[in-house]
């Protein structure tokens, strides 16, 4: 008998890619999303149109912040596994609209994990973030490193998710796994991400704002690798007994200097960017680099992790989607 997998934020970037890949496995997939307008709802709508063509996928428009409606949903649907990817993303926006992060990333998270406990979900997998590492300066960043000093409200809400999950694993013997994502990129990526802005500005001959004078370092993670990691994690949770509470880095394992990342985009587009160098933004960290020591037991991120190949795929999608180029 097929198990039922609930994916929250199903019209979002990572969830969309994950569902497209998990569809070939033995699950009934249920997706929920409130289609929030933080970024272009049309992009979310186009993702949903693709997902709705999948035979073993069903979509429900639902806001995770509405406890009663989510509870009714759990009552009507026997859910075996939850992959909770719905969240309010973005570091910069947390400085502008902090209340939304508390509502979605803390209250919404509580609604999902608490109801998963009540309705006896077998495994609750959720999105954390590399932002929890905050002021850490020892690299690569390990899951065992201290995370008490995030530098953005976004990072603080994700740290709170990990703490709440630990309580539920400890008290209720509930299996929870947090995934610390490191700068996901790829086709169908979010318009608020830096690589989207870089490609769009360069193609439109606009000035590219480059913060911290291009001296940021980021661990870029191709979205397909993230999806494969979650699939492997689900497969492992079926057959092998592990600790109830787990945290994994989900990153590429290679830190790229921002100015070199922009140069890679310029090389693919064959267009020189008009650069505007600016100071470091509030809430940003100088560098991210994930340790692979623990996560490689689930998935080897060294495969399919060539930045130039991933960027070419992204730019090809961007041209087709936004410029109608084939």
Protein backbone atom coordinates (compact mmCIF):
# COMPACT_ATOMS: atom_id res chain seq x y z
CA UNK A 1 0.00 0.00 0.00
CA UNK A 2 1.32 3.43 -0.95
CA UNK A 3 2.32 5.77 1.85
CA UNK A 4 1.10 9.37 1.76
CA UNK A 5 3.70 12.13 1.66
CA UNK A 6 2.70 15.71 2.52
CA UNK A 7 4.87 18.48 1.01
CA UNK A 8 4.24 22.01 2.30
CA UNK A 9 5.07 25.05 0.18
CA UNK A 10 4.62 22.82 -2.86
CA UNK A 11 4.59 25.74 -5.33
CA UNK A 12 7.93 26.95 -3.99
CA UNK A 13 11.29 26.48 -5.69
CA UNK A 14 12.75 23.53 -3.77
CA UNK A 15 9.43 21.77 -3.11
CA UNK A 16 8.52 21.98 -6.81
CA UNK A 17 11.77 20.32 -7.87
CA UNK A 18 11.49 17.70 -5.12
CA UNK A 19 7.93 16.69 -6.08
CA UNK A 20 8.91 16.29 -9.74
CA UNK A 21 11.54 13.77 -8.68
CA UNK A 22 9.71 11.93 -5.88
CA UNK A 23 6.73 11.29 -8.19
CA UNK A 24 8.42 8.19 -9.58
CA UNK A 25 8.63 6.60 -6.15
CA UNK A 26 5.88 4.71 -4.37
CA UNK A 27 4.03 7.61 -2.69
CA UNK A 28 0.72 9.38 -2.85
CA UNK A 29 1.85 13.01 -2.82
CA UNK A 30 -0.25 15.77 -1.28
CA UNK A 31 0.90 19.36 -1.65
CA UNK A 32 -0.27 22.44 0.23
CA UNK A 33 0.58 26.08 -0.45
CA UNK A 34 -1.15 29.41 0.22
CA UNK A 35 0.43 31.00 -2.90
CA UNK A 36 1.77 33.94 -0.91
CA UNK A 37 2.67 37.02 -2.99
CA UNK A 38 6.14 37.59 -1.49
CA UNK A 39 7.36 37.03 -5.04
CA UNK A 40 5.66 36.65 -8.44
CA UNK A 41 2.53 34.49 -7.94
CA UNK A 42 2.55 33.73 -11.68
CA UNK A 43 5.82 31.80 -11.29
CA UNK A 44 4.25 29.75 -8.50
CA UNK A 45 1.18 29.24 -10.66
CA UNK A 46 3.26 27.92 -13.56
CA UNK A 47 5.04 25.50 -11.25
CA UNK A 48 1.67 24.29 -9.99
CA UNK A 49 0.36 23.73 -13.51
CA UNK A 50 3.26 21.34 -14.09
CA UNK A 51 2.74 19.56 -10.77
CA UNK A 52 -0.99 19.09 -11.38
CA UNK A 53 -0.17 16.92 -14.39
CA UNK A 54 1.42 14.34 -12.07
CA UNK A 55 -1.01 11.47 -11.52
CA UNK A 56 -0.11 10.72 -7.92
CA UNK A 57 -0.09 14.39 -6.84
CA UNK A 58 -3.01 16.34 -5.32
CA UNK A 59 -2.91 20.05 -4.45
CA UNK A 60 -4.79 21.86 -1.69
CA UNK A 61 -4.65 25.61 -1.22
CA UNK A 62 -3.97 25.94 2.50
CA UNK A 63 -2.21 28.38 4.82
CA UNK A 64 -0.05 26.69 7.46
CA UNK A 65 -0.73 29.64 9.79
CA UNK A 66 -4.41 28.65 10.09
CA UNK A 67 -4.29 25.99 12.81
CA UNK A 68 -7.92 24.91 12.55
CA UNK A 69 -7.84 24.45 8.79
CA UNK A 70 -4.56 22.53 8.95
CA UNK A 71 -6.01 20.34 11.73
CA UNK A 72 -9.08 19.61 9.58
CA UNK A 73 -6.75 18.71 6.73
CA UNK A 74 -4.88 16.19 8.89
CA UNK A 75 -8.19 14.73 10.08
CA UNK A 76 -9.32 14.10 6.51
CA UNK A 77 -5.98 12.83 5.16
CA UNK A 78 -3.88 10.04 6.64
CA UNK A 79 -0.37 11.45 6.36
CA UNK A 80 2.63 9.15 6.81
CA UNK A 81 5.52 11.52 6.08
CA UNK A 82 5.84 15.31 6.09
CA UNK A 83 8.42 17.32 4.14
CA UNK A 84 7.85 20.82 5.52
CA UNK A 85 9.36 23.34 3.08
CA UNK A 86 6.84 26.18 3.47
CA UNK A 87 8.47 29.24 5.04
CA UNK A 88 9.00 32.95 4.67
CA UNK A 89 12.44 33.07 3.01
CA UNK A 90 15.00 35.82 2.61
CA UNK A 91 17.43 37.59 4.93
CA UNK A 92 16.92 41.14 3.66
CA UNK A 93 13.13 41.04 3.79
CA UNK A 94 13.26 40.04 7.47
CA UNK A 95 14.53 43.57 8.18
CA UNK A 96 11.48 45.05 6.45
CA UNK A 97 8.67 42.75 7.57
CA UNK A 98 9.84 40.87 10.68
CA UNK A 99 6.31 40.03 11.86
CA UNK A 100 5.74 37.81 8.83
CA UNK A 101 8.75 35.66 9.79
CA UNK A 102 7.44 35.14 13.31
CA UNK A 103 4.01 34.23 11.96
CA UNK A 104 5.04 31.79 9.23
CA UNK A 105 8.38 30.43 10.40
CA UNK A 106 7.50 30.00 14.07
CA UNK A 107 3.70 29.84 14.43
CA UNK A 108 3.26 28.03 11.11
CA UNK A 109 6.09 25.65 11.95
CA UNK A 110 4.53 24.87 15.33
CA UNK A 111 1.17 24.14 13.67
CA UNK A 112 2.79 21.63 11.33
CA UNK A 113 5.00 19.81 13.83
CA UNK A 114 2.34 19.72 16.58
CA UNK A 115 -0.34 18.32 14.27
CA UNK A 116 2.18 15.87 12.83
CA UNK A 117 2.71 14.65 16.38
CA UNK A 118 -1.03 14.38 17.11
CA UNK A 119 -1.72 12.47 13.88
CA UNK A 120 1.29 10.18 14.30
CA UNK A 121 3.40 11.14 11.27
CA UNK A 122 6.30 8.70 10.94
CA UNK A 123 8.98 11.24 9.98
CA UNK A 124 8.85 15.06 10.04
CA UNK A 125 11.49 16.54 7.71
CA UNK A 126 11.79 20.33 7.66
CA UNK A 127 13.79 23.13 6.06
CA UNK A 128 16.31 24.87 8.27
CA UNK A 129 19.03 27.11 6.86
CA UNK A 130 22.76 27.79 6.82
CA UNK A 131 21.73 31.16 8.32
CA UNK A 132 21.62 29.49 11.75
CA UNK A 133 25.45 29.47 11.75
CA UNK A 134 25.49 33.28 12.00
CA UNK A 135 28.78 34.58 13.39
CA UNK A 136 30.69 31.28 13.10
CA UNK A 137 34.09 31.84 11.51
CA UNK A 138 35.49 28.31 11.59
CA UNK A 139 35.07 26.53 8.24
CA UNK A 140 33.73 24.23 6.99
CA UNK A 141 30.58 24.64 9.07
CA UNK A 142 29.66 21.45 10.90
CA UNK A 143 26.29 20.40 12.27
CA UNK A 144 27.91 20.16 15.71
CA UNK A 145 29.06 23.82 15.65
CA UNK A 146 27.41 26.34 17.97
CA UNK A 147 24.47 28.21 16.44
CA UNK A 148 23.49 30.57 19.27
CA UNK A 149 24.38 33.75 17.38
CA UNK A 150 22.41 34.20 14.13
CA UNK A 151 22.70 37.68 12.57
CA UNK A 152 19.25 37.88 10.95
CA UNK A 153 15.73 37.33 12.18
CA UNK A 154 15.32 34.78 9.40
CA UNK A 155 18.24 32.78 10.83
CA UNK A 156 16.81 33.13 14.33
CA UNK A 157 13.45 31.69 13.26
CA UNK A 158 15.17 28.72 11.63
CA UNK A 159 17.21 28.12 14.78
CA UNK A 160 13.92 28.16 16.73
CA UNK A 161 12.58 25.45 14.40
CA UNK A 162 15.50 23.20 15.31
CA UNK A 163 14.96 23.81 19.02
CA UNK A 164 11.23 23.09 18.82
CA UNK A 165 11.92 19.93 16.81
CA UNK A 166 14.37 18.77 19.46
CA UNK A 167 11.70 19.16 22.15
CA UNK A 168 9.20 17.11 20.12
CA UNK A 169 11.76 14.39 19.45
CA UNK A 170 12.81 14.30 23.10
CA UNK A 171 9.38 14.41 24.78
CA UNK A 172 7.16 12.67 22.23
CA UNK A 173 9.73 10.31 20.67
CA UNK A 174 8.95 11.86 17.30
CA UNK A 175 11.37 11.42 14.39
CA UNK A 176 12.43 14.86 13.12
CA UNK A 177 15.16 15.87 10.65
CA UNK A 178 16.24 19.45 9.97
CA UNK A 179 17.95 20.36 6.69
CA UNK A 180 20.32 23.32 6.71
CA UNK A 181 20.11 24.50 3.10
CA UNK A 182 23.06 26.41 1.63
CA UNK A 183 22.14 28.88 -1.19
CA UNK A 184 19.98 26.76 -3.49
CA UNK A 185 20.03 27.61 -7.20
CA UNK A 186 18.78 26.17 -10.47
CA UNK A 187 15.90 26.33 -13.00
CA UNK A 188 12.65 27.79 -11.65
CA UNK A 189 14.61 29.63 -8.94
CA UNK A 190 13.15 32.46 -6.86
CA UNK A 191 13.23 36.03 -8.26
CA UNK A 192 14.53 37.40 -4.93
CA UNK A 193 17.75 35.38 -5.18
CA UNK A 194 20.99 37.09 -6.20
CA UNK A 195 21.64 34.93 -9.28
CA UNK A 196 18.20 35.84 -10.67
CA UNK A 197 18.93 39.55 -10.21
CA UNK A 198 22.40 39.21 -11.74
CA UNK A 199 21.18 37.41 -14.87
CA UNK A 200 18.20 39.73 -15.34
CA UNK A 201 20.26 42.90 -14.90
CA UNK A 202 23.08 41.79 -17.19
CA UNK A 203 20.69 40.70 -19.96
CA UNK A 204 18.83 44.02 -19.70
CA UNK A 205 22.04 46.08 -19.65
CA UNK A 206 21.21 47.31 -16.14
CA UNK A 207 23.60 48.04 -13.29
CA UNK A 208 24.34 45.07 -11.02
CA UNK A 209 24.53 45.92 -7.31
CA UNK A 210 27.33 43.92 -5.71
CA UNK A 211 27.40 44.01 -1.92
CA UNK A 212 30.51 43.83 0.24
CA UNK A 213 32.41 44.78 -2.92
CA UNK A 214 32.07 41.23 -4.24
CA UNK A 215 33.96 39.73 -1.28
CA UNK A 216 31.19 37.43 -0.07
CA UNK A 217 31.79 33.68 -0.27
CA UNK A 218 28.85 31.35 -0.77
CA UNK A 219 28.32 27.58 -0.86
CA UNK A 220 25.99 27.17 -3.85
CA UNK A 221 23.83 24.03 -3.96
CA UNK A 222 22.19 22.81 -7.15
CA UNK A 223 18.50 22.18 -6.52
CA UNK A 224 18.49 18.65 -7.99
CA UNK A 225 21.05 17.62 -5.38
CA UNK A 226 18.77 18.91 -2.63
CA UNK A 227 15.85 16.89 -4.01
CA UNK A 228 17.97 13.75 -4.26
CA UNK A 229 19.16 14.22 -0.70
CA UNK A 230 15.58 14.36 0.63
CA UNK A 231 14.59 11.31 -1.43
CA UNK A 232 17.51 9.33 -0.03
CA UNK A 233 16.64 10.49 3.47
CA UNK A 234 13.09 9.22 3.08
CA UNK A 235 14.30 5.89 1.74
CA UNK A 236 16.72 5.53 4.63
CA UNK A 237 14.05 6.40 7.21
CA UNK A 238 12.01 3.40 6.02
CA UNK A 239 14.71 0.81 6.52
CA UNK A 240 17.21 2.01 9.10
CA UNK A 241 16.58 3.06 12.66
CA UNK A 242 18.37 6.30 13.51
CA UNK A 243 18.41 8.85 16.29
CA UNK A 244 15.02 10.52 16.58
CA UNK A 245 16.51 14.02 16.21
CA UNK A 246 18.84 14.77 13.31
CA UNK A 247 20.31 17.84 11.62
CA UNK A 248 22.08 17.73 8.24
CA UNK A 249 23.93 20.28 6.15
CA UNK A 250 22.58 20.33 2.62
CA UNK A 251 25.23 22.19 0.66
CA UNK A 252 27.61 21.92 -2.24
CA UNK A 253 30.74 21.78 -0.08
CA UNK A 254 32.56 24.44 -2.09
CA UNK A 255 32.69 28.16 -1.28
CA UNK A 256 32.69 30.49 -4.31
CA UNK A 257 33.69 34.16 -4.14
CA UNK A 258 30.76 36.30 -5.25
CA UNK A 259 32.74 38.29 -7.81
CA UNK A 260 33.87 35.00 -9.41
CA UNK A 261 30.27 33.80 -9.47
CA UNK A 262 29.32 36.94 -11.41
CA UNK A 263 32.23 36.37 -13.79
CA UNK A 264 30.93 32.85 -14.46
CA UNK A 265 27.53 34.34 -15.38
CA UNK A 266 29.22 36.92 -17.62
CA UNK A 267 31.14 34.16 -19.42
CA UNK A 268 27.99 32.15 -20.11
CA UNK A 269 26.02 35.20 -21.28
CA UNK A 270 29.04 36.63 -23.10
CA UNK A 271 28.07 40.04 -21.71
CA UNK A 272 30.09 42.22 -19.34
CA UNK A 273 28.13 43.37 -16.30
CA UNK A 274 27.85 47.01 -15.28
CA UNK A 275 28.94 46.75 -11.66
CA UNK A 276 28.02 48.94 -8.70
CA UNK A 277 30.03 47.96 -5.63
CA UNK A 278 28.34 48.53 -2.28
CA UNK A 279 29.09 47.89 1.42
CA UNK A 280 27.98 44.76 3.27
CA UNK A 281 24.23 44.46 3.90
CA UNK A 282 22.79 44.16 7.40
CA UNK A 283 22.00 40.57 8.35
CA UNK A 284 24.45 39.06 5.86
CA UNK A 285 27.33 36.76 6.73
CA UNK A 286 30.72 36.97 5.03
CA UNK A 287 31.08 33.29 4.17
CA UNK A 288 29.26 29.96 4.06
CA UNK A 289 30.87 26.57 3.50
CA UNK A 290 29.21 23.32 4.48
CA UNK A 291 30.95 20.31 5.95
CA UNK A 292 29.98 17.18 4.01
CA UNK A 293 31.18 14.71 6.62
CA UNK A 294 27.73 13.82 7.93
CA UNK A 295 25.50 14.51 4.93
CA UNK A 296 27.54 12.41 2.48
CA UNK A 297 26.23 9.33 4.30
CA UNK A 298 22.86 10.22 2.74
CA UNK A 299 23.96 11.72 -0.61
CA UNK A 300 27.27 12.53 -2.29
CA UNK A 301 27.03 16.23 -3.20
CA UNK A 302 30.23 16.10 -5.24
CA UNK A 303 28.15 14.54 -8.02
CA UNK A 304 26.34 16.92 -10.35
CA UNK A 305 27.82 19.93 -8.57
CA UNK A 306 29.74 21.72 -11.33
CA UNK A 307 28.78 25.39 -10.91
CA UNK A 308 29.20 26.28 -14.59
CA UNK A 309 26.91 23.41 -15.68
CA UNK A 310 24.28 24.37 -13.10
CA UNK A 311 24.41 28.03 -14.13
CA UNK A 312 24.08 27.10 -17.81
CA UNK A 313 20.94 25.11 -17.02
CA UNK A 314 19.54 27.98 -14.99
CA UNK A 315 20.29 30.60 -17.66
CA UNK A 316 18.82 28.36 -20.37
CA UNK A 317 15.61 28.09 -18.33
CA UNK A 318 15.60 31.86 -17.64
CA UNK A 319 15.87 32.68 -21.34
CA UNK A 320 13.07 30.24 -22.23
CA UNK A 321 10.72 31.33 -19.44
CA UNK A 322 11.24 35.11 -19.41
CA UNK A 323 12.48 35.83 -22.92
CA UNK A 324 10.62 33.08 -24.85
CA UNK A 325 13.92 31.90 -26.30
CA UNK A 326 14.17 28.22 -27.29
